[in-house]
C-alpha atoms as a PDB file:
ATOM      1  CA  UNK A   1       0.323-141.398 -45.292  1.00  0.00           C
ATOM      2  CA  UNK A   2      -0.989-142.049 -42.300  1.00  0.00           C
ATOM      3  CA  UNK A   3      -3.679-140.243 -40.557  1.00  0.00           C
ATOM      4  CA  UNK A   4      -2.205-139.921 -37.473  1.00  0.00           C
ATOM      5  CA  UNK A   5       1.054-138.159 -39.040  1.00  0.00           C
ATOM      6  CA  UNK A   6      -1.363-135.827 -40.779  1.00  0.00           C
ATOM      7  CA  UNK A   7      -3.418-134.670 -37.363  1.00  0.00           C
ATOM      8  CA  UNK A   8       0.715-133.740 -36.480  1.00  0.00           C
ATOM      9  CA  UNK A   9       1.702-131.859 -39.140  1.00  0.00           C
ATOM     10  CA  UNK A  10      -1.966-130.176 -39.782  1.00  0.00           C
ATOM     11  CA  UNK A  11      -1.556-129.313 -36.117  1.00  0.00           C
ATOM     12  CA  UNK A  12       2.457-127.402 -36.815  1.00  0.00           C
ATOM     13  CA  UNK A  13       1.457-125.877 -40.039  1.00  0.00           C
ATOM     14  CA  UNK A  14      -1.675-123.659 -38.220  1.00  0.00           C
ATOM     15  CA  UNK A  15       0.537-122.873 -35.298  1.00  0.00           C
ATOM     16  CA  UNK A  16       0.780-119.581 -36.267  1.00  0.00           C
ATOM     17  CA  UNK A  17       0.489-115.710 -34.308  1.00  0.00           C
ATOM     18  CA  UNK A  18      -1.998-113.804 -36.430  1.00  0.00           C
ATOM     19  CA  UNK A  19      -2.360-109.795 -36.208  1.00  0.00           C
ATOM     20  CA  UNK A  20      -4.994-106.738 -36.001  1.00  0.00           C
ATOM     21  CA  UNK A  21      -4.074-104.057 -38.205  1.00  0.00           C
ATOM     22  CA  UNK A  22      -1.963-101.580 -37.058  1.00  0.00           C
ATOM     23  CA  UNK A  23      -4.700 -99.456 -35.803  1.00  0.00           C
ATOM     24  CA  UNK A  24      -6.044-102.036 -34.217  1.00  0.00           C
ATOM     25  CA  UNK A  25      -2.664-103.199 -32.310  1.00  0.00           C
ATOM     26  CA  UNK A  26      -3.585-106.698 -31.179  1.00  0.00           C
ATOM     27  CA  UNK A  27      -1.655-109.724 -31.718  1.00  0.00           C
ATOM     28  CA  UNK A  28      -3.446-112.994 -31.624  1.00  0.00           C
ATOM     29  CA  UNK A  29      -1.398-116.153 -30.472  1.00  0.00           C
ATOM     30  CA  UNK A  30      -2.812-119.390 -31.514  1.00  0.00           C
ATOM     31  CA  UNK A  31      -4.529-121.391 -34.883  1.00  0.00           C
ATOM     32  CA  UNK A  32      -7.364-119.668 -36.860  1.00  0.00           C
ATOM     33  CA  UNK A  33      -8.933-123.879 -37.645  1.00  0.00           C
ATOM     34  CA  UNK A  34     -11.962-125.572 -35.972  1.00  0.00           C
ATOM     35  CA  UNK A  35     -10.935-126.950 -33.005  1.00  0.00           C
ATOM     36  CA  UNK A  36      -8.959-124.003 -32.206  1.00  0.00           C
ATOM     37  CA  UNK A  37      -7.660-121.565 -29.622  1.00  0.00           C
ATOM     38  CA  UNK A  38      -6.161-118.182 -29.615  1.00  0.00           C
ATOM     39  CA  UNK A  39      -5.685-115.564 -27.082  1.00  0.00           C
ATOM     40  CA  UNK A  40      -4.159-112.019 -27.217  1.00  0.00           C
ATOM     41  CA  UNK A  41      -3.910-108.464 -25.226  1.00  0.00           C
ATOM     42  CA  UNK A  42      -5.502-105.465 -25.825  1.00  0.00           C
ATOM     43  CA  UNK A  43      -4.958-102.236 -23.524  1.00  0.00           C
ATOM     44  CA  UNK A  44      -6.942-100.961 -20.509  1.00  0.00           C
ATOM     45  CA  UNK A  45     -11.115 -99.762 -20.554  1.00  0.00           C
ATOM     46  CA  UNK A  46     -11.481-101.757 -24.618  1.00  0.00           C
ATOM     47  CA  UNK A  47     -14.100-103.910 -25.728  1.00  0.00           C
ATOM     48  CA  UNK A  48     -13.612-107.615 -26.920  1.00  0.00           C
ATOM     49  CA  UNK A  49     -16.313-109.424 -29.297  1.00  0.00           C
ATOM     50  CA  UNK A  50     -16.984-112.081 -30.792  1.00  0.00           C
ATOM     51  CA  UNK A  51     -19.843-112.659 -34.171  1.00  0.00           C
ATOM     52  CA  UNK A  52     -20.886-109.390 -31.588  1.00  0.00           C
ATOM     53  CA  UNK A  53     -20.278-111.472 -28.769  1.00  0.00           C
ATOM     54  CA  UNK A  54     -18.591-109.602 -25.475  1.00  0.00           C
ATOM     55  CA  UNK A  55     -15.521-111.642 -24.609  1.00  0.00           C
ATOM     56  CA  UNK A  56     -14.188-111.430 -20.851  1.00  0.00           C
ATOM     57  CA  UNK A  57     -10.788-108.911 -19.980  1.00  0.00           C
ATOM     58  CA  UNK A  58      -8.562-109.484 -17.357  1.00  0.00           C
ATOM     59  CA  UNK A  59      -7.173-106.918 -15.971  1.00  0.00           C
ATOM     60  CA  UNK A  60      -4.127-107.080 -17.585  1.00  0.00           C
ATOM     61  CA  UNK A  61      -5.963-106.879 -20.790  1.00  0.00           C
ATOM     62  CA  UNK A  62      -6.023-110.914 -21.600  1.00  0.00           C
ATOM     63  CA  UNK A  63      -8.518-112.288 -23.410  1.00  0.00           C
ATOM     64  CA  UNK A  64      -9.031-115.669 -24.982  1.00  0.00           C
ATOM     65  CA  UNK A  65     -11.989-117.499 -27.516  1.00  0.00           C
ATOM     66  CA  UNK A  66     -11.499-121.482 -29.516  1.00  0.00           C
ATOM     67  CA  UNK A  67     -13.904-121.861 -32.290  1.00  0.00           C
ATOM     68  CA  UNK A  68     -15.672-126.221 -32.325  1.00  0.00           C
ATOM     69  CA  UNK A  69     -15.352-128.991 -34.126  1.00  0.00           C
ATOM     70  CA  UNK A  70     -17.893-127.336 -37.135  1.00  0.00           C
ATOM     71  CA  UNK A  71     -17.405-124.126 -36.483  1.00  0.00           C
ATOM     72  CA  UNK A  72     -17.967-122.387 -39.730  1.00  0.00           C
ATOM     73  CA  UNK A  73     -15.545-120.164 -42.174  1.00  0.00           C
ATOM     74  CA  UNK A  74     -15.532-117.089 -41.786  1.00  0.00           C
ATOM     75  CA  UNK A  75     -15.694-115.206 -37.683  1.00  0.00           C
ATOM     76  CA  UNK A  76     -15.231-111.431 -36.595  1.00  0.00           C
ATOM     77  CA  UNK A  77     -13.748-109.587 -33.764  1.00  0.00           C
ATOM     78  CA  UNK A  78     -14.265-106.137 -32.878  1.00  0.00           C
ATOM     79  CA  UNK A  79     -11.639-104.768 -30.620  1.00  0.00           C
ATOM     80  CA  UNK A  80     -13.513-101.128 -29.381  1.00  0.00           C
ATOM     81  CA  UNK A  81     -11.851 -98.457 -27.667  1.00  0.00           C
ATOM     82  CA  UNK A  82     -12.072 -96.343 -25.061  1.00  0.00           C
ATOM     83  CA  UNK A  83     -12.835 -92.934 -26.906  1.00  0.00           C
ATOM     84  CA  UNK A  84     -15.432 -95.839 -28.815  1.00  0.00           C
ATOM     85  CA  UNK A  85     -13.203 -96.187 -31.824  1.00  0.00           C
ATOM     86  CA  UNK A  86     -14.052-100.400 -32.995  1.00  0.00           C
ATOM     87  CA  UNK A  87     -12.353-101.900 -35.432  1.00  0.00           C
ATOM     88  CA  UNK A  88     -13.265-105.140 -36.990  1.00  0.00           C
ATOM     89  CA  UNK A  89     -11.504-108.178 -38.346  1.00  0.00           C
ATOM     90  CA  UNK A  90     -12.456-110.791 -40.176  1.00  0.00           C
ATOM     91  CA  UNK A  91     -10.924-114.096 -39.240  1.00  0.00           C
ATOM     92  CA  UNK A  92     -10.651-116.842 -41.835  1.00  0.00           C
ATOM     93  CA  UNK A  93     -11.138-120.741 -40.139  1.00  0.00           C
ATOM     94  CA  UNK A  94      -9.576-123.188 -42.083  1.00  0.00           C
ATOM     95  CA  UNK A  95     -11.595-126.328 -42.269  1.00  0.00           C
ATOM     96  CA  UNK A  96     -10.213-129.243 -41.356  1.00  0.00           C
ATOM     97  CA  UNK A  97     -11.387-133.029 -43.153  1.00  0.00           C
ATOM     98  CA  UNK A  98     -12.608-135.439 -40.223  1.00  0.00           C
ATOM     99  CA  UNK A  99     -12.132-139.401 -40.382  1.00  0.00           C
ATOM    100  CA  UNK A 100     -15.516-140.769 -40.794  1.00  0.00           C
ATOM    101  CA  UNK A 101     -16.319-144.541 -40.026  1.00  0.00           C
ATOM    102  CA  UNK A 102     -19.411-145.934 -41.828  1.00  0.00           C
ATOM    103  CA  UNK A 103     -20.029-149.490 -39.305  1.00  0.00           C
ATOM    104  CA  UNK A 104     -23.183-152.085 -39.533  1.00  0.00           C
ATOM    105  CA  UNK A 105     -24.315-155.044 -37.913  1.00  0.00           C
ATOM    106  CA  UNK A 106     -24.148-152.977 -34.797  1.00  0.00           C
ATOM    107  CA  UNK A 107     -25.950-154.830 -31.761  1.00  0.00           C
ATOM    108  CA  UNK A 108     -27.872-151.763 -30.545  1.00  0.00           C
ATOM    109  CA  UNK A 109     -27.608-152.190 -27.264  1.00  0.00           C
ATOM    110  CA  UNK A 110     -23.439-151.803 -27.429  1.00  0.00           C
ATOM    111  CA  UNK A 111     -24.893-148.410 -29.156  1.00  0.00           C
ATOM    112  CA  UNK A 112     -27.388-146.940 -26.927  1.00  0.00           C
ATOM    113  CA  UNK A 113     -26.846-147.623 -23.089  1.00  0.00           C
ATOM    114  CA  UNK A 114     -29.544-149.562 -20.799  1.00  0.00           C
ATOM    115  CA  UNK A 115     -31.990-147.697 -19.169  1.00  0.00           C
ATOM    116  CA  UNK A 116     -30.979-148.782 -15.916  1.00  0.00           C
ATOM    117  CA  UNK A 117     -27.717-145.994 -16.548  1.00  0.00           C
ATOM    118  CA  UNK A 118     -29.955-143.521 -18.231  1.00  0.00           C
ATOM    119  CA  UNK A 119     -30.309-141.866 -14.131  1.00  0.00           C
ATOM    120  CA  UNK A 120     -26.930-142.120 -13.504  1.00  0.00           C
ATOM    121  CA  UNK A 121     -25.433-141.052 -16.659  1.00  0.00           C
ATOM    122  CA  UNK A 122     -27.041-137.803 -16.133  1.00  0.00           C
ATOM    123  CA  UNK A 123     -25.796-137.073 -12.856  1.00  0.00           C
ATOM    124  CA  UNK A 124     -22.434-137.345 -14.344  1.00  0.00           C
ATOM    125  CA  UNK A 125     -23.245-135.159 -16.728  1.00  0.00           C
ATOM    126  CA  UNK A 126     -24.329-132.423 -14.710  1.00  0.00           C
ATOM    127  CA  UNK A 127     -20.781-132.741 -12.595  1.00  0.00           C
ATOM    128  CA  UNK A 128     -18.656-132.181 -15.538  1.00  0.00           C
ATOM    129  CA  UNK A 129     -20.822-129.126 -16.616  1.00  0.00           C
ATOM    130  CA  UNK A 130     -20.524-127.750 -13.119  1.00  0.00           C
ATOM    131  CA  UNK A 131     -17.002-128.215 -13.395  1.00  0.00           C
ATOM    132  CA  UNK A 132     -16.874-126.707 -16.564  1.00  0.00           C
ATOM    133  CA  UNK A 133     -18.587-123.394 -15.723  1.00  0.00           C
ATOM    134  CA  UNK A 134     -16.194-121.790 -13.158  1.00  0.00           C
ATOM    135  CA  UNK A 135     -14.872-118.880 -13.229  1.00  0.00           C
ATOM    136  CA  UNK A 136     -11.323-118.905 -11.960  1.00  0.00           C
ATOM    137  CA  UNK A 137      -9.037-115.753 -12.911  1.00  0.00           C
ATOM    138  CA  UNK A 138      -5.974-117.451 -14.595  1.00  0.00           C
ATOM    139  CA  UNK A 139      -4.790-117.397 -17.374  1.00  0.00           C
ATOM    140  CA  UNK A 140      -2.480-120.809 -17.601  1.00  0.00           C
ATOM    141  CA  UNK A 141      -3.654-120.999 -21.539  1.00  0.00           C
ATOM    142  CA  UNK A 142      -0.745-118.770 -22.250  1.00  0.00           C
ATOM    143  CA  UNK A 143       2.056-120.841 -21.609  1.00  0.00           C
ATOM    144  CA  UNK A 144       3.977-123.803 -23.816  1.00  0.00           C
ATOM    145  CA  UNK A 145       1.579-126.784 -23.656  1.00  0.00           C
ATOM    146  CA  UNK A 146       3.602-129.795 -22.887  1.00  0.00           C
ATOM    147  CA  UNK A 147       2.428-133.942 -23.346  1.00  0.00           C
ATOM    148  CA  UNK A 148       0.828-134.654 -20.428  1.00  0.00           C
ATOM    149  CA  UNK A 149       2.359-138.868 -21.128  1.00  0.00           C
ATOM    150  CA  UNK A 150       4.254-139.721 -24.547  1.00  0.00           C
ATOM    151  CA  UNK A 151       3.313-142.405 -26.732  1.00  0.00           C
ATOM    152  CA  UNK A 152       1.292-143.280 -30.123  1.00  0.00           C
ATOM    153  CA  UNK A 153      -1.797-141.290 -31.062  1.00  0.00           C
ATOM    154  CA  UNK A 154      -4.654-143.770 -31.600  1.00  0.00           C
ATOM    155  CA  UNK A 155      -7.421-141.409 -32.614  1.00  0.00           C
ATOM    156  CA  UNK A 156      -7.793-137.700 -33.530  1.00  0.00           C
ATOM    157  CA  UNK A 157     -10.185-135.465 -32.507  1.00  0.00           C
ATOM    158  CA  UNK A 158     -13.412-134.418 -34.927  1.00  0.00           C
ATOM    159  CA  UNK A 159     -13.220-138.155 -35.654  1.00  0.00           C
ATOM    160  CA  UNK A 160     -16.520-140.089 -35.990  1.00  0.00           C
ATOM    161  CA  UNK A 161     -18.609-143.977 -36.518  1.00  0.00           C
ATOM    162  CA  UNK A 162     -21.840-143.485 -38.162  1.00  0.00           C
ATOM    163  CA  UNK A 163     -23.472-146.773 -36.330  1.00  0.00           C
ATOM    164  CA  UNK A 164     -26.258-148.628 -38.665  1.00  0.00           C
ATOM    165  CA  UNK A 165     -27.199-145.572 -40.141  1.00  0.00           C
ATOM    166  CA  UNK A 166     -26.785-143.394 -37.767  1.00  0.00           C
ATOM    167  CA  UNK A 167     -24.195-140.901 -36.425  1.00  0.00           C
ATOM    168  CA  UNK A 168     -22.258-141.143 -33.085  1.00  0.00           C
ATOM    169  CA  UNK A 169     -21.289-138.004 -30.883  1.00  0.00           C
ATOM    170  CA  UNK A 170     -17.790-136.728 -33.012  1.00  0.00           C
ATOM    171  CA  UNK A 171     -14.795-137.857 -30.545  1.00  0.00           C
ATOM    172  CA  UNK A 172     -13.536-134.813 -28.874  1.00  0.00           C
ATOM    173  CA  UNK A 173     -10.502-135.558 -27.763  1.00  0.00           C
ATOM    174  CA  UNK A 174      -7.065-137.062 -28.640  1.00  0.00           C
ATOM    175  CA  UNK A 175      -6.699-140.326 -27.700  1.00  0.00           C
ATOM    176  CA  UNK A 176      -2.379-141.284 -26.808  1.00  0.00           C
ATOM    177  CA  UNK A 177      -1.586-144.952 -25.772  1.00  0.00           C
ATOM    178  CA  UNK A 178       0.231-146.104 -22.686  1.00  0.00           C
ATOM    179  CA  UNK A 179       0.090-148.747 -20.157  1.00  0.00           C
ATOM    180  CA  UNK A 180      -1.902-148.882 -17.612  1.00  0.00           C
ATOM    181  CA  UNK A 181      -0.312-146.958 -14.224  1.00  0.00           C
ATOM    182  CA  UNK A 182       1.952-144.814 -16.499  1.00  0.00           C
ATOM    183  CA  UNK A 183       1.426-141.480 -14.889  1.00  0.00           C
ATOM    184  CA  UNK A 184      -0.144-137.954 -16.435  1.00  0.00           C
ATOM    185  CA  UNK A 185       0.956-134.975 -16.186  1.00  0.00           C
ATOM    186  CA  UNK A 186      -0.342-131.588 -16.069  1.00  0.00           C
ATOM    187  CA  UNK A 187       0.850-130.187 -19.619  1.00  0.00           C
ATOM    188  CA  UNK A 188       0.818-126.825 -17.809  1.00  0.00           C
ATOM    189  CA  UNK A 189      -1.256-124.775 -14.682  1.00  0.00           C
ATOM    190  CA  UNK A 190      -4.103-125.082 -13.780  1.00  0.00           C
ATOM    191  CA  UNK A 191      -6.817-126.193 -10.340  1.00  0.00           C
ATOM    192  CA  UNK A 192      -8.425-129.063 -10.535  1.00  0.00           C
ATOM    193  CA  UNK A 193     -12.779-128.815 -10.716  1.00  0.00           C
ATOM    194  CA  UNK A 194     -13.643-132.447 -10.761  1.00  0.00           C
ATOM    195  CA  UNK A 195     -11.791-135.424  -9.921  1.00  0.00           C
ATOM    196  CA  UNK A 196     -13.932-138.491 -10.052  1.00  0.00           C
ATOM    197  CA  UNK A 197     -12.776-142.222  -9.510  1.00  0.00           C
ATOM    198  CA  UNK A 198     -15.315-143.872 -12.344  1.00  0.00           C
ATOM    199  CA  UNK A 199     -18.251-142.725 -14.876  1.00  0.00           C
ATOM    200  CA  UNK A 200     -20.438-144.840 -16.924  1.00  0.00           C
ATOM    201  CA  UNK A 201     -18.582-143.627 -20.550  1.00  0.00           C
ATOM    202  CA  UNK A 202     -15.450-141.601 -19.038  1.00  0.00           C
ATOM    203  CA  UNK A 203     -13.830-144.045 -15.794  1.00  0.00           C
ATOM    204  CA  UNK A 204     -11.681-142.544 -14.270  1.00  0.00           C
ATOM    205  CA  UNK A 205     -12.487-138.522 -14.859  1.00  0.00           C
ATOM    206  CA  UNK A 206     -10.607-135.569 -14.443  1.00  0.00           C
ATOM    207  CA  UNK A 207     -11.382-131.726 -14.753  1.00  0.00           C
ATOM    208  CA  UNK A 208      -8.387-129.399 -14.402  1.00  0.00           C
ATOM    209  CA  UNK A 209      -9.233-125.652 -15.310  1.00  0.00           C
ATOM    210  CA  UNK A 210      -6.939-123.058 -16.588  1.00  0.00           C
ATOM    211  CA  UNK A 211      -8.430-120.013 -16.413  1.00  0.00           C
ATOM    212  CA  UNK A 212     -11.307-117.999 -18.079  1.00  0.00           C
ATOM    213  CA  UNK A 213     -12.617-120.828 -19.162  1.00  0.00           C
ATOM    214  CA  UNK A 214     -10.712-122.540 -21.034  1.00  0.00           C
ATOM    215  CA  UNK A 215     -10.554-126.655 -19.225  1.00  0.00           C
ATOM    216  CA  UNK A 216      -9.169-129.949 -20.052  1.00  0.00           C
ATOM    217  CA  UNK A 217     -10.854-133.304 -19.155  1.00  0.00           C
ATOM    218  CA  UNK A 218      -8.536-136.889 -18.983  1.00  0.00           C
ATOM    219  CA  UNK A 219     -10.428-139.590 -19.068  1.00  0.00           C
ATOM    220  CA  UNK A 220     -10.378-143.524 -18.338  1.00  0.00           C
ATOM    221  CA  UNK A 221      -7.749-142.899 -15.416  1.00  0.00           C
ATOM    222  CA  UNK A 222      -7.117-146.369 -13.876  1.00  0.00           C
ATOM    223  CA  UNK A 223      -6.346-143.487 -10.533  1.00  0.00           C
ATOM    224  CA  UNK A 224      -6.805-139.697 -10.035  1.00  0.00           C
ATOM    225  CA  UNK A 225      -3.810-138.560  -8.026  1.00  0.00           C
ATOM    226  CA  UNK A 226      -5.197-135.032  -6.772  1.00  0.00           C
ATOM    227  CA  UNK A 227      -8.490-133.320  -5.365  1.00  0.00           C
ATOM    228  CA  UNK A 228     -10.574-130.899  -6.257  1.00  0.00           C
ATOM    229  CA  UNK A 229      -9.412-127.518  -5.333  1.00  0.00           C
ATOM    230  CA  UNK A 230      -6.377-128.082  -6.012  1.00  0.00           C
ATOM    231  CA  UNK A 231      -3.647-126.246  -7.965  1.00  0.00           C
ATOM    232  CA  UNK A 232      -1.531-128.101 -10.149  1.00  0.00           C
ATOM    233  CA  UNK A 233       1.040-126.971 -11.930  1.00  0.00           C
ATOM    234  CA  UNK A 234       3.409-128.133 -15.310  1.00  0.00           C
ATOM    235  CA  UNK A 235       4.784-131.771 -15.102  1.00  0.00           C
ATOM    236  CA  UNK A 236       2.400-132.561 -12.045  1.00  0.00           C
ATOM    237  CA  UNK A 237       1.748-135.886 -12.116  1.00  0.00           C
ATOM    238  CA  UNK A 238      -2.119-135.153 -11.876  1.00  0.00           C
ATOM    239  CA  UNK A 239      -3.575-139.320 -12.856  1.00  0.00           C
ATOM    240  CA  UNK A 240      -2.187-142.890 -14.034  1.00  0.00           C
ATOM    241  CA  UNK A 241      -3.192-144.274 -17.452  1.00  0.00           C
ATOM    242  CA  UNK A 242      -6.194-147.098 -17.485  1.00  0.00           C
ATOM    243  CA  UNK A 243      -8.758-148.459 -19.714  1.00  0.00           C
ATOM    244  CA  UNK A 244     -11.741-147.373 -17.674  1.00  0.00           C
ATOM    245  CA  UNK A 245     -15.609-146.396 -18.690  1.00  0.00           C
ATOM    246  CA  UNK A 246     -16.033-147.149 -22.068  1.00  0.00           C
ATOM    247  CA  UNK A 247     -12.799-147.902 -23.758  1.00  0.00           C
ATOM    248  CA  UNK A 248     -11.173-150.504 -25.248  1.00  0.00           C
ATOM    249  CA  UNK A 249      -7.328-149.974 -23.694  1.00  0.00           C
ATOM    250  CA  UNK A 250      -5.180-148.983 -21.955  1.00  0.00           C
ATOM    251  CA  UNK A 251      -4.807-144.848 -23.150  1.00  0.00           C
ATOM    252  CA  UNK A 252      -5.074-141.284 -22.173  1.00  0.00           C
ATOM    253  CA  UNK A 253      -8.018-139.059 -23.885  1.00  0.00           C
ATOM    254  CA  UNK A 254      -7.403-135.588 -23.103  1.00  0.00           C
ATOM    255  CA  UNK A 255      -9.761-132.955 -24.549  1.00  0.00           C
ATOM    256  CA  UNK A 256      -9.435-129.125 -23.637  1.00  0.00           C
ATOM    257  CA  UNK A 257     -12.937-126.406 -23.785  1.00  0.00           C
ATOM    258  CA  UNK A 258     -13.381-123.338 -24.151  1.00  0.00           C
ATOM    259  CA  UNK A 259     -16.608-121.722 -23.133  1.00  0.00           C
ATOM    260  CA  UNK A 260     -18.732-124.760 -24.782  1.00  0.00           C
ATOM    261  CA  UNK A 261     -16.977-125.168 -27.654  1.00  0.00           C
ATOM    262  CA  UNK A 262     -14.408-128.078 -27.791  1.00  0.00           C
ATOM    263  CA  UNK A 263     -11.302-127.911 -28.650  1.00  0.00           C
ATOM    264  CA  UNK A 264      -8.291-129.787 -30.527  1.00  0.00           C
ATOM    265  CA  UNK A 265      -5.676-130.393 -27.778  1.00  0.00           C
ATOM    266  CA  UNK A 266      -2.769-131.545 -30.492  1.00  0.00           C
ATOM    267  CA  UNK A 267      -3.729-128.182 -31.964  1.00  0.00           C
ATOM    268  CA  UNK A 268      -1.793-126.421 -29.605  1.00  0.00           C
ATOM    269  CA  UNK A 269       1.700-129.471 -29.027  1.00  0.00           C
ATOM    270  CA  UNK A 270       4.760-130.059 -31.159  1.00  0.00           C
ATOM    271  CA  UNK A 271       5.968-133.043 -31.893  1.00  0.00           C
ATOM    272  CA  UNK A 272       5.058-136.314 -29.938  1.00  0.00           C
ATOM    273  CA  UNK A 273       8.741-136.791 -28.147  1.00  0.00           C
ATOM    274  CA  UNK A 274      10.301-139.898 -28.325  1.00  0.00           C
ATOM    275  CA  UNK A 275       8.267-142.368 -25.519  1.00  0.00           C
END
């Protein structure tokens, strides 16, 4: 079976809604999987902890969390009411098999960037970190996501290459092939926190915050069509597909984060419509 098709089928299988016990009365919407994003709602004056760490709760009771690529098989959610009645729930996190490619004979200068660009890389990394640390009281992540661009899926979340015996960084995005200049649309609402025309690794780079630590990153863009601080609506044209930065061909690399956790956009999507 084609690996991209298998990933889409996996995503569909994981798109479920799970609940705590009737006493806790908390529904979780999302994917209990490595790379999954989940959100729920609790009554006022409640607190929620994930593995002992408090989660931010909006005024209307909404909270959100996610699991990284290498999340452990079990996590624990604790919900406490105003009367100090607490209930814990064990969350079983689906473990995934990632595509690992081992490549030898690669020139080292291809694997390791030259010293002359290291300062540039550090500065650009700091810009991305600051953009993802923005704290907006938005809950756009509760919307139903739509594909930002249509085309063949050519790269999946979690895959990794081992160059000359040294593991490279895993691929944390979803790659969608499309011609240069193809319009990229906002998958859900949000506010722009970074709009950069050309970064060393990612080329044209755009970050949109969806609230409470959830953000989307779009890279290798030929053009960025929005500005920092601009609010966008689902379906708005936000950029154009390109092959900038370290890319081998035109495509959109779509990535998602929650509070430092790398998430898989494919787990939020249904089947890819015909392009």
